PDB file of N, CA and C in Angstrom:
ATOM      1  N   UNK A   1      25.177   1.763  14.972  1.00  0.00           N
ATOM      2  CA  UNK A   1      24.971   0.782  13.875  1.00  0.00           C
ATOM      3  C   UNK A   1      23.477   0.625  13.582  1.00  0.00           C
ATOM      4  N   UNK A   2      22.670   0.686  14.593  1.00  0.00           N
ATOM      5  CA  UNK A   2      21.209   0.545  14.390  1.00  0.00           C
ATOM      6  C   UNK A   2      20.684   1.635  13.481  1.00  0.00           C
ATOM      7  N   UNK A   3      21.067   2.881  13.723  1.00  0.00           N
ATOM      8  CA  UNK A   3      20.602   3.996  12.879  1.00  0.00           C
ATOM      9  C   UNK A   3      21.111   3.844  11.424  1.00  0.00           C
ATOM     10  N   UNK A   4      22.326   3.331  11.266  1.00  0.00           N
ATOM     11  CA  UNK A   4      22.814   3.126   9.926  1.00  0.00           C
ATOM     12  C   UNK A   4      22.005   2.016   9.218  1.00  0.00           C
ATOM     13  N   UNK A   5      21.680   0.964   9.888  1.00  0.00           N
ATOM     14  CA  UNK A   5      20.836  -0.108   9.321  1.00  0.00           C
ATOM     15  C   UNK A   5      19.471   0.449   8.896  1.00  0.00           C
ATOM     16  N   UNK A   6      18.922   1.304   9.697  1.00  0.00           N
ATOM     17  CA  UNK A   6      17.586   1.905   9.371  1.00  0.00           C
ATOM     18  C   UNK A   6      17.683   2.734   8.090  1.00  0.00           C
ATOM     19  N   UNK A   7      18.785   3.497   8.009  1.00  0.00           N
ATOM     20  CA  UNK A   7      18.969   4.353   6.803  1.00  0.00           C
ATOM     21  C   UNK A   7      19.095   3.501   5.559  1.00  0.00           C
ATOM     22  N   UNK A   8      19.882   2.444   5.645  1.00  0.00           N
ATOM     23  CA  UNK A   8      20.074   1.569   4.481  1.00  0.00           C
ATOM     24  C   UNK A   8      18.731   0.924   4.130  1.00  0.00           C
ATOM     25  N   UNK A   9      18.008   0.427   5.089  1.00  0.00           N
ATOM     26  CA  UNK A   9      16.755  -0.227   4.778  1.00  0.00           C
ATOM     27  C   UNK A   9      15.739   0.760   4.168  1.00  0.00           C
ATOM     28  N   UNK A  10      15.753   1.971   4.591  1.00  0.00           N
ATOM     29  CA  UNK A  10      14.846   2.970   4.068  1.00  0.00           C
ATOM     30  C   UNK A  10      15.187   3.254   2.611  1.00  0.00           C
ATOM     31  N   UNK A  11      16.485   3.247   2.304  1.00  0.00           N
ATOM     32  CA  UNK A  11      16.907   3.536   0.937  1.00  0.00           C
ATOM     33  C   UNK A  11      16.615   2.394  -0.058  1.00  0.00           C
ATOM     34  N   UNK A  12      16.546   1.187   0.442  1.00  0.00           N
ATOM     35  CA  UNK A  12      16.265   0.037  -0.434  1.00  0.00           C
ATOM     36  C   UNK A  12      14.846  -0.505  -0.303  1.00  0.00           C
ATOM     37  N   UNK A  13      14.029   0.220   0.389  1.00  0.00           N
ATOM     38  CA  UNK A  13      12.647  -0.258   0.650  1.00  0.00           C
ATOM     39  C   UNK A  13      11.790  -0.339  -0.614  1.00  0.00           C
ATOM     40  N   UNK A  14      12.219   0.222  -1.689  1.00  0.00           N
ATOM     41  CA  UNK A  14      11.452   0.158  -2.955  1.00  0.00           C
ATOM     42  C   UNK A  14      11.576  -1.260  -3.586  1.00  0.00           C
ATOM     43  N   UNK A  15      12.510  -2.053  -3.148  1.00  0.00           N
ATOM     44  CA  UNK A  15      12.727  -3.348  -3.763  1.00  0.00           C
ATOM     45  C   UNK A  15      12.756  -4.462  -2.725  1.00  0.00           C
ATOM     46  N   UNK A  16      11.859  -5.414  -2.868  1.00  0.00           N
ATOM     47  CA  UNK A  16      11.701  -6.483  -1.865  1.00  0.00           C
ATOM     48  C   UNK A  16      12.948  -7.304  -1.694  1.00  0.00           C
ATOM     49  N   UNK A  17      13.607  -7.633  -2.778  1.00  0.00           N
ATOM     50  CA  UNK A  17      14.803  -8.501  -2.750  1.00  0.00           C
ATOM     51  C   UNK A  17      15.980  -7.774  -2.037  1.00  0.00           C
ATOM     52  N   UNK A  18      16.160  -6.486  -2.383  1.00  0.00           N
ATOM     53  CA  UNK A  18      17.199  -5.720  -1.746  1.00  0.00           C
ATOM     54  C   UNK A  18      16.888  -5.493  -0.238  1.00  0.00           C
ATOM     55  N   UNK A  19      15.628  -5.259   0.040  1.00  0.00           N
ATOM     56  CA  UNK A  19      15.218  -5.033   1.411  1.00  0.00           C
ATOM     57  C   UNK A  19      15.558  -6.254   2.286  1.00  0.00           C
ATOM     58  N   UNK A  20      15.199  -7.440   1.763  1.00  0.00           N
ATOM     59  CA  UNK A  20      15.520  -8.707   2.500  1.00  0.00           C
ATOM     60  C   UNK A  20      17.005  -8.895   2.659  1.00  0.00           C
ATOM     61  N   UNK A  21      17.783  -8.662   1.615  1.00  0.00           N
ATOM     62  CA  UNK A  21      19.230  -8.833   1.645  1.00  0.00           C
ATOM     63  C   UNK A  21      19.845  -7.908   2.710  1.00  0.00           C
ATOM     64  N   UNK A  22      19.426  -6.646   2.724  1.00  0.00           N
ATOM     65  CA  UNK A  22      20.013  -5.714   3.695  1.00  0.00           C
ATOM     66  C   UNK A  22      19.486  -6.028   5.112  1.00  0.00           C
ATOM     67  N   UNK A  23      18.303  -6.527   5.243  1.00  0.00           N
ATOM     68  CA  UNK A  23      17.757  -6.877   6.541  1.00  0.00           C
ATOM     69  C   UNK A  23      18.591  -8.014   7.130  1.00  0.00           C
ATOM     70  N   UNK A  24      18.859  -9.013   6.313  1.00  0.00           N
ATOM     71  CA  UNK A  24      19.729 -10.133   6.765  1.00  0.00           C
ATOM     72  C   UNK A  24      21.123  -9.620   7.199  1.00  0.00           C
ATOM     73  N   UNK A  25      21.703  -8.736   6.433  1.00  0.00           N
ATOM     74  CA  UNK A  25      23.016  -8.208   6.805  1.00  0.00           C
ATOM     75  C   UNK A  25      22.913  -7.449   8.099  1.00  0.00           C
ATOM     76  N   UNK A  26      21.848  -6.713   8.276  1.00  0.00           N
ATOM     77  CA  UNK A  26      21.664  -5.949   9.500  1.00  0.00           C
ATOM     78  C   UNK A  26      21.627  -6.846  10.766  1.00  0.00           C
ATOM     79  N   UNK A  27      20.935  -7.973  10.614  1.00  0.00           N
ATOM     80  CA  UNK A  27      20.825  -8.862  11.767  1.00  0.00           C
ATOM     81  C   UNK A  27      22.213  -9.459  12.139  1.00  0.00           C
ATOM     82  N   UNK A  28      23.039  -9.610  11.183  1.00  0.00           N
ATOM     83  CA  UNK A  28      24.405 -10.147  11.498  1.00  0.00           C
ATOM     84  C   UNK A  28      25.261  -9.112  12.220  1.00  0.00           C
ATOM     85  N   UNK A  29      25.030  -7.826  11.916  1.00  0.00           N
ATOM     86  CA  UNK A  29      25.825  -6.755  12.522  1.00  0.00           C
ATOM     87  C   UNK A  29      25.334  -6.347  13.890  1.00  0.00           C
ATOM     88  N   UNK A  30      24.094  -6.439  14.180  1.00  0.00           N
ATOM     89  CA  UNK A  30      23.482  -5.885  15.361  1.00  0.00           C
ATOM     90  C   UNK A  30      23.524  -6.834  16.581  1.00  0.00           C
ATOM     91  N   UNK A  31      23.567  -6.212  17.750  1.00  0.00           N
ATOM     92  CA  UNK A  31      23.460  -6.932  19.014  1.00  0.00           C
ATOM     93  C   UNK A  31      22.012  -7.350  19.227  1.00  0.00           C
ATOM     94  N   UNK A  32      21.783  -8.283  20.127  1.00  0.00           N
ATOM     95  CA  UNK A  32      20.414  -8.846  20.348  1.00  0.00           C
ATOM     96  C   UNK A  32      19.428  -7.735  20.682  1.00  0.00           C
ATOM     97  N   UNK A  33      19.778  -6.834  21.608  1.00  0.00           N
ATOM     98  CA  UNK A  33      18.828  -5.774  21.986  1.00  0.00           C
ATOM     99  C   UNK A  33      18.522  -4.809  20.800  1.00  0.00           C
ATOM    100  N   UNK A  34      19.505  -4.582  19.975  1.00  0.00           N
ATOM    101  CA  UNK A  34      19.284  -3.758  18.809  1.00  0.00           C
ATOM    102  C   UNK A  34      18.405  -4.416  17.788  1.00  0.00           C
ATOM    103  N   UNK A  35      18.526  -5.765  17.682  1.00  0.00           N
ATOM    104  CA  UNK A  35      17.694  -6.476  16.752  1.00  0.00           C
ATOM    105  C   UNK A  35      16.207  -6.338  17.045  1.00  0.00           C
ATOM    106  N   UNK A  36      15.876  -6.379  18.302  1.00  0.00           N
ATOM    107  CA  UNK A  36      14.482  -6.211  18.737  1.00  0.00           C
ATOM    108  C   UNK A  36      13.967  -4.822  18.356  1.00  0.00           C
ATOM    109  N   UNK A  37      14.793  -3.808  18.521  1.00  0.00           N
ATOM    110  CA  UNK A  37      14.414  -2.468  18.177  1.00  0.00           C
ATOM    111  C   UNK A  37      14.231  -2.386  16.662  1.00  0.00           C
ATOM    112  N   UNK A  38      15.126  -2.993  15.915  1.00  0.00           N
ATOM    113  CA  UNK A  38      15.004  -2.952  14.448  1.00  0.00           C
ATOM    114  C   UNK A  38      13.775  -3.655  13.993  1.00  0.00           C
ATOM    115  N   UNK A  39      13.439  -4.783  14.637  1.00  0.00           N
ATOM    116  CA  UNK A  39      12.217  -5.535  14.282  1.00  0.00           C
ATOM    117  C   UNK A  39      10.992  -4.642  14.468  1.00  0.00           C
ATOM    118  N   UNK A  40      10.894  -3.997  15.619  1.00  0.00           N
ATOM    119  CA  UNK A  40       9.721  -3.132  15.861  1.00  0.00           C
ATOM    120  C   UNK A  40       9.640  -1.994  14.839  1.00  0.00           C
ATOM    121  N   UNK A  41      10.788  -1.387  14.568  1.00  0.00           N
ATOM    122  CA  UNK A  41      10.849  -0.318  13.559  1.00  0.00           C
ATOM    123  C   UNK A  41      10.406  -0.779  12.196  1.00  0.00           C
ATOM    124  N   UNK A  42      10.976  -1.912  11.772  1.00  0.00           N
ATOM    125  CA  UNK A  42      10.624  -2.454  10.444  1.00  0.00           C
ATOM    126  C   UNK A  42       9.123  -2.745  10.340  1.00  0.00           C
ATOM    127  N   UNK A  43       8.571  -3.371  11.380  1.00  0.00           N
ATOM    128  CA  UNK A  43       7.131  -3.706  11.334  1.00  0.00           C
ATOM    129  C   UNK A  43       6.261  -2.495  11.316  1.00  0.00           C
ATOM    130  N   UNK A  44       6.685  -1.456  12.040  1.00  0.00           N
ATOM    131  CA  UNK A  44       5.931  -0.219  12.093  1.00  0.00           C
ATOM    132  C   UNK A  44       5.983   0.513  10.774  1.00  0.00           C
ATOM    133  N   UNK A  45       7.179   0.621  10.227  1.00  0.00           N
ATOM    134  CA  UNK A  45       7.407   1.381   8.992  1.00  0.00           C
ATOM    135  C   UNK A  45       7.068   0.622   7.716  1.00  0.00           C
ATOM    136  N   UNK A  46       7.382  -0.667   7.644  1.00  0.00           N
ATOM    137  CA  UNK A  46       7.261  -1.477   6.402  1.00  0.00           C
ATOM    138  C   UNK A  46       6.372  -2.705   6.576  1.00  0.00           C
ATOM    139  N   UNK A  47       5.725  -2.804   7.670  1.00  0.00           N
ATOM    140  CA  UNK A  47       4.870  -4.033   7.940  1.00  0.00           C
ATOM    141  C   UNK A  47       3.784  -4.198   6.899  1.00  0.00           C
ATOM    142  N   UNK A  48       3.233  -3.148   6.360  1.00  0.00           N
ATOM    143  CA  UNK A  48       2.169  -3.272   5.361  1.00  0.00           C
ATOM    144  C   UNK A  48       2.710  -3.787   4.018  1.00  0.00           C
ATOM    145  N   UNK A  49       3.956  -3.471   3.731  1.00  0.00           N
ATOM    146  CA  UNK A  49       4.583  -3.969   2.495  1.00  0.00           C
ATOM    147  C   UNK A  49       5.278  -5.320   2.643  1.00  0.00           C
ATOM    148  N   UNK A  50       6.015  -5.469   3.696  1.00  0.00           N
ATOM    149  CA  UNK A  50       6.868  -6.633   3.839  1.00  0.00           C
ATOM    150  C   UNK A  50       6.724  -7.357   5.177  1.00  0.00           C
ATOM    151  N   UNK A  51       5.540  -7.331   5.739  1.00  0.00           N
ATOM    152  CA  UNK A  51       5.306  -7.894   7.055  1.00  0.00           C
ATOM    153  C   UNK A  51       5.717  -9.359   7.147  1.00  0.00           C
ATOM    154  N   UNK A  52       5.326 -10.200   6.222  1.00  0.00           N
ATOM    155  CA  UNK A  52       5.701 -11.619   6.229  1.00  0.00           C
ATOM    156  C   UNK A  52       7.190 -11.792   6.076  1.00  0.00           C
ATOM    157  N   UNK A  53       7.792 -11.039   5.193  1.00  0.00           N
ATOM    158  CA  UNK A  53       9.236 -11.137   4.993  1.00  0.00           C
ATOM    159  C   UNK A  53      10.022 -10.755   6.267  1.00  0.00           C
ATOM    160  N   UNK A  54       9.604  -9.664   6.925  1.00  0.00           N
ATOM    161  CA  UNK A  54      10.209  -9.222   8.164  1.00  0.00           C
ATOM    162  C   UNK A  54      10.135 -10.322   9.211  1.00  0.00           C
ATOM    163  N   UNK A  55       8.932 -10.836   9.433  1.00  0.00           N
ATOM    164  CA  UNK A  55       8.721 -11.798  10.489  1.00  0.00           C
ATOM    165  C   UNK A  55       9.534 -13.113  10.168  1.00  0.00           C
ATOM    166  N   UNK A  56       9.533 -13.503   8.952  1.00  0.00           N
ATOM    167  CA  UNK A  56      10.292 -14.710   8.560  1.00  0.00           C
ATOM    168  C   UNK A  56      11.779 -14.533   8.775  1.00  0.00           C
ATOM    169  N   UNK A  57      12.257 -13.361   8.372  1.00  0.00           N
ATOM    170  CA  UNK A  57      13.707 -13.063   8.519  1.00  0.00           C
ATOM    171  C   UNK A  57      14.117 -13.050   9.994  1.00  0.00           C
ATOM    172  N   UNK A  58      13.313 -12.403  10.831  1.00  0.00           N
ATOM    173  CA  UNK A  58      13.655 -12.335  12.248  1.00  0.00           C
ATOM    174  C   UNK A  58      13.504 -13.647  12.987  1.00  0.00           C
ATOM    175  N   UNK A  59      12.667 -14.537  12.467  1.00  0.00           N
ATOM    176  CA  UNK A  59      12.434 -15.806  13.126  1.00  0.00           C
ATOM    177  C   UNK A  59      13.450 -16.887  12.690  1.00  0.00           C
ATOM    178  N   UNK A  60      14.278 -16.589  11.725  1.00  0.00           N
ATOM    179  CA  UNK A  60      15.251 -17.511  11.175  1.00  0.00           C
ATOM    180  C   UNK A  60      16.399 -17.707  12.212  1.00  0.00           C
ATOM    181  N   UNK A  61      16.494 -18.870  12.880  1.00  0.00           N
ATOM    182  CA  UNK A  61      17.511 -19.108  13.915  1.00  0.00           C
ATOM    183  C   UNK A  61      18.967 -19.033  13.370  1.00  0.00           C
ATOM    184  N   UNK A  62      19.174 -19.185  12.077  1.00  0.00           N
ATOM    185  CA  UNK A  62      20.507 -19.149  11.471  1.00  0.00           C
ATOM    186  C   UNK A  62      21.052 -17.715  11.574  1.00  0.00           C
ATOM    187  N   UNK A  63      20.193 -16.723  11.673  1.00  0.00           N
ATOM    188  CA  UNK A  63      20.630 -15.345  11.711  1.00  0.00           C
ATOM    189  C   UNK A  63      20.766 -14.831  13.156  1.00  0.00           C
ATOM    190  N   UNK A  64      20.307 -15.569  14.130  1.00  0.00           N
ATOM    191  CA  UNK A  64      20.293 -15.105  15.494  1.00  0.00           C
ATOM    192  C   UNK A  64      21.679 -15.203  16.109  1.00  0.00           C
TER     193      UNK A  64
END
């Protein structure tokens, strides 16, 4: 599931709103350990574009 989420996020990375929507969905699907891996991947790959959005999404307790 983690690899699937990465593929989806890569495909929608051109649009901030879509990226955030898919990131939120990914957090609901993934296990806790996978979420941490996804966070690191997102920050490494898209941190320059969406760093604040990524950190905000991952820090939202409603999605944990």
